[in-house]
Protein backbone atom coordinates (compact mmCIF):
# COMPACT_ATOMS: atom_id res chain seq x y z
CA MET A 1 -20.72 5.76 23.31
CA VAL A 2 -19.09 8.14 20.84
CA ILE A 3 -15.41 8.83 21.40
CA ASN A 4 -13.74 12.07 20.34
CA ARG A 5 -10.09 11.07 20.13
CA VAL A 6 -8.45 8.12 18.35
CA ILE A 7 -4.72 7.48 17.90
CA LEU A 8 -3.27 4.80 15.62
CA ILE A 9 0.38 3.92 16.22
CA MET A 10 2.12 1.58 13.82
CA THR A 11 5.56 0.16 13.17
CA ASP A 12 7.12 -1.39 10.07
CA THR A 13 8.30 -5.01 9.81
CA GLN A 14 7.67 -5.91 13.43
CA ARG A 15 6.90 -9.56 14.06
CA LYS A 16 4.39 -10.42 16.74
CA ASP A 17 7.03 -12.36 18.68
CA MET A 18 9.26 -9.28 18.74
CA VAL A 19 6.90 -7.74 21.32
CA GLY A 20 7.54 -9.10 24.80
CA CYS A 21 3.91 -9.44 25.87
CA TYR A 22 3.36 -11.92 23.04
CA GLY A 23 5.59 -14.44 24.77
CA ASN A 24 9.27 -13.82 24.00
CA ARG A 25 10.45 -12.21 27.22
CA ASP A 26 13.91 -11.68 25.73
CA MET A 27 12.37 -8.84 23.75
CA LYS A 28 12.77 -5.53 25.57
CA THR A 29 9.49 -3.75 24.77
CA PRO A 30 8.29 -2.38 28.13
CA CYS A 31 6.16 0.40 26.64
CA LEU A 32 4.11 -1.88 24.39
CA ASP A 33 3.90 -4.43 27.19
CA ARG A 34 2.47 -1.72 29.44
CA LEU A 35 -0.04 -0.73 26.76
CA ALA A 36 -1.18 -4.36 26.53
CA ALA A 37 -1.52 -4.53 30.33
CA GLN A 38 -3.87 -1.56 30.12
CA GLY A 39 -5.94 -2.97 27.27
CA VAL A 40 -6.51 -5.95 24.97
CA ARG A 41 -3.81 -7.96 23.20
CA PHE A 42 -5.05 -9.70 20.05
CA GLU A 43 -3.28 -12.95 19.20
CA ARG A 44 -4.80 -13.51 15.77
CA ALA A 45 -4.57 -10.22 13.92
CA TYR A 46 -3.67 -10.23 10.23
CA THR A 47 -2.42 -7.84 7.60
CA CYS A 48 -4.30 -7.71 4.29
CA GLN A 49 -1.09 -8.01 2.27
CA PRO A 50 2.37 -8.61 3.80
CA VAL A 51 4.18 -5.75 2.03
CA CYS A 52 4.57 -2.15 3.22
CA GLY A 53 2.51 -0.14 0.71
CA PRO A 54 -0.38 -2.54 0.10
CA ALA A 55 -0.72 -3.20 3.83
CA ARG A 56 -1.15 0.55 4.38
CA ALA A 57 -3.47 0.85 1.38
CA ALA A 58 -5.94 -1.47 3.11
CA LEU A 59 -5.32 -0.09 6.58
CA PHE A 60 -6.05 3.53 5.64
CA THR A 61 -8.85 3.09 3.08
CA GLY A 62 -10.87 0.19 4.49
CA THR A 63 -10.70 -1.51 1.09
CA PHE A 64 -8.44 -4.34 -0.07
CA PRO A 65 -5.39 -3.55 -2.22
CA HIS A 66 -7.08 -5.09 -5.26
CA SER A 67 -9.94 -2.60 -4.78
CA ASN A 68 -7.98 0.60 -4.15
CA GLY A 69 -5.16 0.27 -6.71
CA GLY A 70 -2.30 0.03 -4.21
CA TRP A 71 -1.55 -3.67 -4.70
CA GLY A 72 2.22 -3.21 -5.00
CA ASN A 73 4.77 -0.83 -3.56
CA THR A 74 5.18 2.34 -5.69
CA MET A 75 1.59 1.96 -6.94
CA PRO A 76 -0.54 4.92 -5.80
CA LEU A 77 -4.13 4.76 -4.64
CA GLY A 78 -6.76 5.33 -7.30
CA ASP A 79 -7.87 8.92 -7.85
CA ASN A 80 -11.38 8.24 -6.52
CA VAL A 81 -10.21 6.27 -3.48
CA LYS A 82 -10.76 8.11 -0.21
CA THR A 83 -8.60 7.61 2.86
CA VAL A 84 -9.84 7.63 6.42
CA GLY A 85 -8.24 11.06 6.75
CA GLN A 86 -10.47 12.50 4.04
CA ARG A 87 -13.59 10.83 5.39
CA LEU A 88 -13.02 12.07 8.95
CA ARG A 89 -11.92 15.56 7.86
CA ASP A 90 -15.15 15.90 5.90
CA HIS A 91 -17.03 15.24 9.16
CA GLY A 92 -15.19 18.05 10.92
CA ILE A 93 -12.58 15.93 12.70
CA HIS A 94 -9.00 17.18 12.97
CA THR A 95 -6.77 14.62 11.26
CA ALA A 96 -2.98 14.39 11.45
CA TYR A 97 -0.64 11.87 9.82
CA ILE A 98 2.95 11.73 11.01
CA GLY A 99 5.48 9.28 9.56
CA LYS A 100 5.83 6.76 6.78
CA TRP A 101 3.00 6.98 4.20
CA HIS A 102 4.09 4.85 1.20
CA LEU A 103 0.83 5.42 -0.72
CA ASP A 104 1.67 8.23 -3.14
CA GLY A 105 3.34 6.14 -5.85
CA GLY A 106 6.76 7.56 -5.10
CA ASP A 107 9.81 5.59 -4.09
CA TYR A 108 10.37 4.22 -0.60
CA PHE A 109 10.60 7.68 0.95
CA GLY A 110 7.52 9.23 -0.65
CA LEU A 111 7.10 12.61 -2.33
CA GLY A 112 7.15 14.82 0.76
CA ARG A 113 3.70 16.24 -0.03
CA CYS A 114 0.78 16.17 2.37
CA PRO A 115 -2.12 14.28 0.75
CA ASP A 116 -5.67 15.57 0.94
CA GLY A 117 -7.39 14.89 4.24
CA TRP A 118 -4.52 15.53 6.64
CA ASP A 119 -3.22 18.60 8.48
CA ALA A 120 -0.26 19.89 6.46
CA ALA A 121 1.23 21.51 9.57
CA TYR A 122 1.95 18.05 11.04
CA TRP A 123 2.56 16.03 7.87
CA TYR A 124 6.02 14.48 7.96
CA ASP A 125 7.05 11.57 5.77
CA MET A 126 10.49 10.09 5.13
CA ARG A 127 11.20 12.44 2.24
CA ASP A 128 10.67 15.39 4.58
CA TYR A 129 13.09 13.83 7.05
CA LEU A 130 15.81 13.31 4.44
CA GLU A 131 15.44 16.86 3.20
CA GLU A 132 16.29 18.07 6.70
CA LEU A 133 19.65 16.30 6.46
CA SER A 134 22.87 17.20 4.68
CA PRO A 135 23.98 14.83 1.89
CA GLU A 136 26.52 13.33 4.30
CA ASP A 137 23.89 12.75 6.97
CA ARG A 138 21.52 11.23 4.42
CA LEU A 139 24.15 8.61 3.72
CA ARG A 140 24.66 8.05 7.46
CA SER A 141 20.90 7.60 7.92
CA ARG A 142 20.81 4.74 5.39
CA LYS A 143 23.72 2.69 6.75
CA VAL A 144 23.36 0.20 9.56
CA SER A 145 27.05 0.78 10.33
CA THR A 146 26.03 4.20 11.70
CA ASN A 147 24.86 2.30 14.78
CA ARG A 148 28.54 1.79 15.66
CA ASP A 149 29.05 5.57 15.73
CA SER A 150 29.11 6.76 19.33
CA ALA A 151 28.02 10.20 18.10
CA LEU A 152 24.65 8.84 16.95
CA THR A 153 21.88 10.25 19.14
CA GLU A 154 18.16 9.60 19.21
CA ASP A 155 17.31 13.04 17.85
CA PHE A 156 19.06 12.13 14.57
CA THR A 157 16.56 9.36 13.85
CA PHE A 158 13.33 9.49 11.87
CA GLY A 159 11.43 7.81 14.69
CA HIS A 160 12.42 10.38 17.28
CA ARG A 161 11.40 13.26 15.04
CA CYS A 162 8.06 11.58 14.38
CA SER A 163 7.50 11.24 18.11
CA ASN A 164 8.33 14.91 18.64
CA ARG A 165 5.67 15.97 16.15
CA ALA A 166 3.10 13.64 17.68
CA ILE A 167 3.81 15.00 21.16
CA ASP A 168 3.50 18.55 19.85
CA PHE A 169 0.14 17.73 18.25
CA LEU A 170 -1.14 16.27 21.52
CA LYS A 171 0.00 19.31 23.49
CA ASN A 172 -1.76 21.71 21.13
CA HIS A 173 -4.84 19.71 20.12
CA GLY A 174 -5.32 17.02 22.77
CA ARG A 175 -8.74 18.26 23.86
CA GLU A 176 -10.12 18.54 20.33
CA ARG A 177 -11.97 15.92 18.34
CA PHE A 178 -9.11 14.31 16.42
CA PHE A 179 -7.64 11.27 14.72
CA MET A 180 -3.84 11.03 14.69
CA VAL A 181 -1.62 8.45 13.01
CA VAL A 182 2.00 7.95 14.09
CA SER A 183 3.65 5.69 11.50
CA TYR A 184 7.23 4.69 12.32
CA ASP A 185 9.60 3.22 9.75
CA GLU A 186 11.46 1.44 12.56
CA PRO A 187 12.46 -1.37 13.05
CA HIS A 188 12.64 -1.73 9.23
CA GLY A 189 16.17 -1.59 7.82
CA PRO A 190 18.60 0.07 8.05
CA CYS A 191 17.52 -0.36 11.71
CA LEU A 192 19.06 2.91 12.83
CA CYS A 193 19.15 3.24 16.62
CA PRO A 194 21.48 4.87 19.15
CA ARG A 195 23.16 3.21 22.09
CA PRO A 196 22.28 1.43 24.30
CA TYR A 197 19.67 -0.07 21.94
CA SER A 198 22.18 -0.91 19.22
CA GLU A 199 24.17 -3.02 21.69
CA ILE A 200 21.44 -4.83 23.67
CA TYR A 201 21.25 -7.86 21.35
CA ARG A 202 24.84 -7.91 20.11
CA ASP A 203 25.42 -11.47 21.38
CA TYR A 204 21.80 -12.62 21.23
CA ARG A 205 20.54 -15.54 19.13
CA PHE A 206 16.88 -15.32 18.17
CA PRO A 207 15.09 -18.61 18.99
CA LYS A 208 14.83 -21.00 16.05
CA SER A 209 11.30 -22.24 15.53
CA ARG A 210 10.82 -25.69 14.07
CA ASN A 211 9.94 -24.31 10.65
CA VAL A 212 13.47 -22.97 10.22
CA TRP A 213 14.09 -26.58 9.12
CA ASP A 214 11.27 -26.44 6.53
CA THR A 215 13.10 -26.79 3.21
CA LEU A 216 9.86 -26.26 1.23
CA GLU A 217 9.35 -29.79 -0.04
CA GLY A 218 5.78 -30.04 -1.32
CA LYS A 219 5.48 -26.25 -1.29
CA PRO A 220 4.90 -23.86 -4.25
CA GLU A 221 7.61 -23.39 -6.86
CA HIS A 222 7.93 -19.65 -6.33
CA GLN A 223 8.76 -20.24 -2.66
CA ARG A 224 11.49 -22.73 -3.57
CA ALA A 225 12.95 -20.18 -6.00
CA TRP A 226 12.80 -17.53 -3.28
CA GLY A 227 14.58 -19.72 -0.74
CA ALA A 228 16.92 -21.41 -3.23
CA HIS A 229 20.16 -20.45 -1.49
CA ALA A 230 18.93 -20.95 2.07
CA ARG A 231 17.68 -24.43 1.21
CA THR A 232 21.27 -25.50 0.49
CA LEU A 233 22.51 -24.49 3.95
CA ASP A 234 22.86 -26.84 6.89
CA ARG A 235 19.81 -25.74 8.83
CA ASP A 236 21.32 -27.06 12.08
CA LYS A 237 24.09 -24.50 11.73
CA VAL A 238 21.87 -21.55 10.82
CA GLU A 239 21.99 -18.82 13.45
CA ILE A 240 19.52 -15.94 13.66
CA ARG A 241 21.43 -12.97 15.01
CA PRO A 242 19.67 -9.75 13.87
CA ALA A 243 21.24 -7.53 16.54
CA ASP A 244 20.52 -4.18 14.89
CA TYR A 245 17.00 -5.17 13.88
CA LEU A 246 16.11 -6.20 17.42
CA GLY A 247 17.90 -3.19 18.87
CA CYS A 248 15.85 -0.91 16.65
CA ASN A 249 12.76 -2.84 17.74
CA SER A 250 13.47 -1.87 21.35
CA PHE A 251 14.28 1.68 20.30
CA VAL A 252 10.93 2.17 18.56
CA ASP A 253 9.24 0.80 21.68
CA TYR A 254 10.93 3.61 23.61
CA GLU A 255 9.69 6.14 21.06
CA ILE A 256 6.15 4.75 21.27
CA GLY A 257 6.40 5.11 25.03
CA ARG A 258 7.15 8.81 24.66
CA VAL A 259 3.96 9.26 22.63
CA VAL A 260 1.84 7.15 25.00
CA ASP A 261 3.08 9.22 27.94
CA ALA A 262 1.93 12.34 26.08
CA ILE A 263 -1.44 10.71 25.39
CA ASP A 264 -1.79 10.07 29.13
CA ARG A 265 -1.13 13.74 29.83
CA HIS A 266 -3.18 15.38 27.09
CA ALA A 267 -5.81 12.87 25.84
CA PRO A 268 -6.13 10.16 28.51
CA ASP A 269 -9.58 9.04 27.32
CA ALA A 270 -8.43 8.37 23.74
CA LEU A 271 -8.85 5.06 21.95
CA VAL A 272 -5.30 3.89 21.18
CA ILE A 273 -4.69 1.25 18.51
CA TYR A 274 -1.22 -0.18 17.91
CA THR A 275 -0.20 -2.55 15.13
CA SER A 276 2.47 -3.29 12.51
CA ASP A 277 2.18 -3.63 8.74
CA HIS A 278 3.74 -7.12 8.51
CA GLY A 279 6.51 -9.27 9.94
CA ASP A 280 9.79 -10.77 8.71
CA PHE A 281 10.66 -14.41 8.09
CA LEU A 282 14.01 -14.48 9.90
CA GLN A 283 14.89 -17.79 8.19
CA SER A 284 11.55 -19.54 8.80
CA HIS A 285 10.69 -21.76 5.80
CA CYS A 286 14.14 -20.89 4.35
CA LEU A 287 12.73 -17.47 3.49
CA SER A 288 13.79 -13.91 4.27
CA ASN A 289 12.11 -10.53 4.57
CA LYS A 290 8.48 -10.62 3.39
CA GLY A 291 6.67 -11.18 0.13
CA PRO A 292 4.35 -13.56 -1.76
CA ALA A 293 3.48 -16.01 1.01
CA MET A 294 0.92 -16.15 3.81
CA TYR A 295 2.89 -17.84 6.58
CA GLU A 296 2.25 -16.66 10.13
CA GLU A 297 5.68 -15.02 10.50
CA ILE A 298 4.78 -12.24 8.07
CA ALA A 299 0.95 -12.25 8.05
CA ASN A 300 0.06 -12.55 11.76
CA ILE A 301 0.91 -9.15 13.22
CA PRO A 302 0.75 -7.56 16.70
CA PHE A 303 -2.44 -5.66 17.50
CA ILE A 304 -3.13 -4.00 20.85
CA VAL A 305 -6.03 -1.75 21.84
CA ARG A 306 -6.36 0.52 24.87
CA TRP A 307 -9.75 2.14 25.37
CA PRO A 308 -10.28 3.41 28.94
CA GLY A 309 -13.71 2.55 30.28
CA HIS A 310 -14.51 0.26 27.36
CA ALA A 311 -11.77 -2.29 26.61
CA PRO A 312 -10.93 -4.46 29.63
CA ALA A 313 -7.39 -4.09 30.98
CA GLY A 314 -4.96 -7.00 30.73
CA ALA A 315 -7.18 -9.03 28.43
CA ALA A 316 -6.15 -11.28 25.56
CA SER A 317 -8.28 -12.36 22.62
CA GLY A 318 -7.89 -15.27 20.24
CA ARG A 319 -10.56 -13.94 17.86
CA LEU A 320 -9.71 -13.14 14.27
CA VAL A 321 -8.83 -9.50 13.56
CA SER A 322 -8.02 -7.94 10.19
CA HIS A 323 -6.57 -4.59 9.18
CA ILE A 324 -9.50 -4.26 6.77
CA ASN A 325 -11.63 -3.48 9.81
CA VAL A 326 -9.63 -0.52 11.12
CA VAL A 327 -11.31 2.25 9.09
CA PRO A 328 -14.89 1.16 9.90
CA THR A 329 -13.85 0.74 13.52
CA VAL A 330 -12.49 4.29 13.78
CA MET A 331 -15.54 5.75 12.06
CA ASP A 332 -17.93 3.74 14.21
CA ALA A 333 -16.13 4.68 17.44
CA MET A 334 -16.39 8.35 16.45
CA GLY A 335 -20.12 8.03 15.80
CA LEU A 336 -20.00 8.33 12.01
CA PRO A 337 -22.09 6.44 9.44
CA LEU A 338 -20.23 3.64 7.67
CA PRO A 339 -20.00 3.98 3.88
CA LYS A 340 -21.21 1.06 1.77
CA LEU A 341 -17.86 1.06 -0.02
CA LEU A 342 -15.92 -0.19 3.02
CA GLU A 343 -14.99 -3.88 2.82
CA GLY A 344 -14.56 -4.53 6.53
CA ARG A 345 -16.68 -4.06 9.62
CA SER A 346 -16.41 -2.32 12.97
CA MET A 347 -14.49 -4.08 15.72
CA THR A 348 -15.77 -1.89 18.56
CA PRO A 349 -17.94 -4.74 19.98
CA LEU A 350 -14.83 -6.93 20.02
CA PHE A 351 -12.82 -4.25 21.82
CA GLU A 352 -15.44 -4.12 24.57
CA ASN A 353 -15.90 -7.90 24.67
CA PRO A 354 -12.67 -9.60 23.49
CA GLN A 355 -14.48 -12.93 23.21
CA ALA A 356 -17.02 -11.66 20.69
CA THR A 357 -16.78 -12.76 17.06
CA ILE A 358 -16.60 -10.19 14.28
CA ASP A 359 -15.21 -12.31 11.43
CA GLU A 360 -15.45 -16.06 11.00
CA THR A 361 -12.95 -15.83 8.14
CA ILE A 362 -10.33 -13.25 7.26
CA TYR A 363 -8.85 -12.70 3.79
CA MET A 364 -5.39 -11.84 2.52
CA GLU A 365 -3.86 -11.28 -0.89
CA PHE A 366 -0.71 -10.58 -2.84
CA GLY A 367 -0.14 -8.97 -6.23
CA ARG A 368 3.37 -7.69 -6.62
CA TYR A 369 6.16 -6.72 -4.23
CA GLU A 370 7.24 -3.55 -6.02
CA ILE A 371 6.52 -2.51 -9.57
CA ASP A 372 9.83 -0.63 -9.98
CA HIS A 373 11.85 -3.77 -9.26
CA ASP A 374 12.39 -6.67 -11.62
CA GLY A 375 13.06 -9.02 -8.71
CA PHE A 376 11.13 -10.23 -5.67
CA GLY A 377 9.35 -12.83 -7.78
CA GLY A 378 7.58 -10.33 -10.04
CA PHE A 379 3.82 -10.72 -10.38
CA GLN A 380 2.62 -13.36 -7.91
CA PRO A 381 -1.18 -13.25 -7.60
CA ILE A 382 -2.34 -14.84 -4.34
CA ARG A 383 -5.70 -14.97 -2.58
CA ALA A 384 -5.99 -16.57 0.86
CA ALA A 385 -8.51 -17.26 3.60
CA PHE A 386 -8.09 -18.26 7.24
CA ASP A 387 -10.90 -19.38 9.54
CA GLY A 388 -8.88 -19.69 12.74
CA ARG A 389 -7.87 -23.28 12.05
CA HIS A 390 -7.43 -23.90 8.32
CA LYS A 391 -5.55 -21.56 6.01
CA LEU A 392 -6.04 -21.91 2.26
CA VAL A 393 -3.62 -20.11 -0.04
CA LEU A 394 -4.33 -19.93 -3.78
CA ASN A 395 -1.11 -19.23 -5.70
CA LEU A 396 -2.47 -18.61 -9.18
CA LEU A 397 0.84 -19.04 -11.03
CA SER A 398 2.14 -21.99 -9.01
CA SER A 399 0.60 -24.57 -6.68
CA ASP A 400 -1.73 -24.06 -3.74
CA GLU A 401 -1.43 -24.60 0.02
CA LEU A 402 -3.61 -25.73 2.90
CA TYR A 403 -2.49 -25.80 6.52
CA ASP A 404 -4.21 -27.00 9.67
CA LEU A 405 -2.83 -24.64 12.31
CA ASP A 406 -4.37 -26.60 15.18
CA GLU A 407 -2.33 -29.67 14.25
CA ASP A 408 0.55 -27.90 12.50
CA PRO A 409 1.06 -24.37 13.88
CA GLN A 410 4.47 -24.16 12.16
CA GLU A 411 2.82 -24.67 8.74
CA MET A 412 5.21 -27.41 7.75
CA LYS A 413 2.84 -29.83 5.99
CA ASN A 414 0.92 -28.78 2.90
CA LEU A 415 -2.45 -30.58 3.00
CA ILE A 416 -3.84 -29.31 -0.30
CA GLU A 417 -4.32 -32.84 -1.65
CA ASP A 418 -5.21 -34.45 1.69
CA ALA A 419 -8.63 -36.12 1.49
CA ALA A 420 -9.25 -35.77 5.22
CA HIS A 421 -9.20 -31.97 4.88
CA ARG A 422 -11.15 -31.75 1.62
CA GLU A 423 -14.33 -30.38 3.20
CA ALA A 424 -12.50 -27.55 5.03
CA ARG A 425 -10.42 -26.81 1.93
CA ASP A 426 -13.41 -26.57 -0.41
CA ARG A 427 -15.39 -24.49 2.06
CA LEU A 428 -12.59 -21.92 2.26
CA HIS A 429 -12.18 -22.05 -1.50
CA ASP A 430 -15.85 -21.16 -1.98
CA ARG A 431 -15.47 -18.30 0.49
CA ILE A 432 -12.47 -16.90 -1.40
CA ILE A 433 -14.43 -16.92 -4.69
CA ASP A 434 -17.37 -15.21 -2.99
CA TRP A 435 -15.08 -12.61 -1.40
CA MET A 436 -13.42 -11.86 -4.74
CA ASN A 437 -16.83 -11.35 -6.31
CA ARG A 438 -18.18 -9.20 -3.46
CA THR A 439 -15.17 -6.88 -3.50
CA ARG A 440 -15.09 -6.43 -7.28
CA ASP A 441 -11.64 -8.03 -7.44
CA PRO A 442 -10.36 -7.03 -10.90
CA PHE A 443 -8.37 -10.27 -11.12
CA ARG A 444 -11.36 -12.56 -10.53
CA GLY A 445 -12.31 -15.19 -13.08
CA TYR A 446 -12.94 -18.89 -13.63
CA TYR A 447 -9.23 -19.77 -13.24
CA TRP A 448 -9.43 -19.23 -9.46
CA GLN A 449 -12.21 -21.81 -9.29
CA ARG A 450 -10.63 -24.41 -11.54
CA ARG A 451 -7.72 -25.52 -9.40
CA PRO A 452 -6.21 -29.00 -10.04
CA TRP A 453 -7.50 -30.36 -6.70
CA ARG A 454 -11.07 -28.99 -7.06
CA THR A 455 -12.66 -31.90 -8.91
CA ASP A 456 -16.20 -30.47 -8.71
CA ALA A 457 -15.29 -27.05 -10.13
CA PRO A 458 -17.72 -25.72 -12.74
CA PRO A 459 -16.56 -25.70 -16.37
CA ALA A 460 -14.67 -22.67 -17.64
CA THR A 461 -17.07 -20.09 -19.06
CA TRP A 462 -16.34 -16.70 -20.59
CA GLU A 463 -19.30 -15.17 -18.70
CA PHE A 464 -18.08 -16.46 -15.30
CA THR A 465 -20.83 -15.43 -12.82
CA ARG A 466 -22.64 -13.11 -15.28
CA MET A 467 -23.05 -10.52 -12.53
CA THR A 468 -22.01 -6.89 -12.55
CA ARG A 469 -20.82 -5.14 -9.41
CA GLN A 470 -20.58 -1.38 -9.36
CA ARG A 471 -18.80 0.76 -6.81
CA GLU A 472 -21.06 2.49 -4.27
CA ASN A 473 -19.06 5.59 -3.42
CA GLU A 474 -22.01 7.91 -3.19
CA GLU A 475 -20.55 10.10 -0.47
CA TYR A 476 -18.14 11.41 -3.13
CA GLU A 477 -19.48 10.38 -6.56
CA PRO A 478 -22.79 10.53 -8.44
CA ARG A 479 -24.72 7.29 -8.40
CA GLN A 480 -23.51 5.14 -11.28
CA LEU A 481 -25.69 4.52 -14.33
CA ASP A 482 -26.92 1.19 -15.62
CA TYR A 483 -25.24 0.26 -18.92
CA ASP A 484 -28.44 -1.15 -20.45
CA THR A 485 -30.77 1.74 -19.57
CA GLY A 486 -28.63 4.81 -18.90
CA LEU A 487 -30.64 5.28 -15.71
CA GLU A 488 -29.34 5.30 -12.15
CA MET A 489 -28.67 1.79 -10.91
CA THR A 490 -31.16 0.48 -8.38
CA GLU A 491 -28.99 -2.43 -7.28
CA ALA A 492 -25.20 -2.31 -7.31
CA VAL A 493 -24.95 -6.09 -7.82
CA ARG A 494 -27.15 -7.49 -10.55
CA ARG A 495 -27.19 -9.80 -13.55
CA LYS A 496 -25.35 -8.29 -16.51
């Protein structure tokens, strides 16, 4: 059945266990909990890259960051890369994007310009928000101490203004054929939120998982450098007290609830997808924030779907889900043909039957945190695969990782050299190499195959696989020409 209305709601830096329905009942998220009760909660959903911009690059193009050019913050999408907004608009669907974009190559706040494919009347990124404020209020908006100001009200916040625009769109266009994105910056720092949200967790201690005591012995060098200070602390005495972060988490839940209430009034049959771009370590593995690692705390994100008449209410799924599948899912649900260029697949069968299998393996990557910064580890090329039990992480510039999440869900023990897990390790390794080849990964080469633990790796060759792989973007570009003949290619993948 073709659906006419799809809404994607997303947050920034929201861990899965910061949403109450995922198990931590101390988290006050009644609106998202209600959404899950009306639909399907996915336990094993994963970002494509655990950093703001690259996560969105995959989410809104249906191609991995290494394919679309947005593999670090402040790195724009390639000129010939099309977003889901452009693809849907070109099929006559009304598209609106409200909130954080982070894909135009500008700084954190963006350029304040509506990109092609989206309704300019509703476009509203963080630059637009700041330009509504006086210089004094801009400073207030970037300081967590503003939460102590009793004069702070919800209408001052970016999130509230995003919700207002989304509600207005639904009022005016709720019966049309449309795709709307509402992209909150919250609960990302500075975690701005009015009372009572700023006070709810003032005396709260976030539960310490066992991997807070992981001091990264036997782990990659770049992780030990990242957690160098935290590793010196007495882990027994470490307290996790992110009061403003958690308060803002509950505040954005309230804002999401305002939008969902408007959906119920104006577009009750809509497919609603909620997710977050990535999580935050909160001291797990002696690490903070997010970055070049693939641990569950930052890679495994919340993902909830409500689809009246199709997705069963109150269901939970342990099947693998990836952000790479969102664009083909939206296009498929709206009855549109799927371009060959997309690197994921539609999840609509999984939404209707949460026990179906769409992907046996999901893939993740890392390139750089932010090109404008000299810190955050710099260039850290990572490719990773997870099959629901084993997770293999190739850290090209340091050492590699393998975890058995059935036996070690906290990812404490690196099994990369463990003979008992060699078969699973090598199988995932082969899948990563195949995935890199299939997706035209510009960083692919023999060095990903020849890891110290892969004793049967082929010898290094300059030709590598000797295959050429050309982009098939024929909805928007002429068919590419074969180098050897000058004629149109007949097969996109062929021997060079």
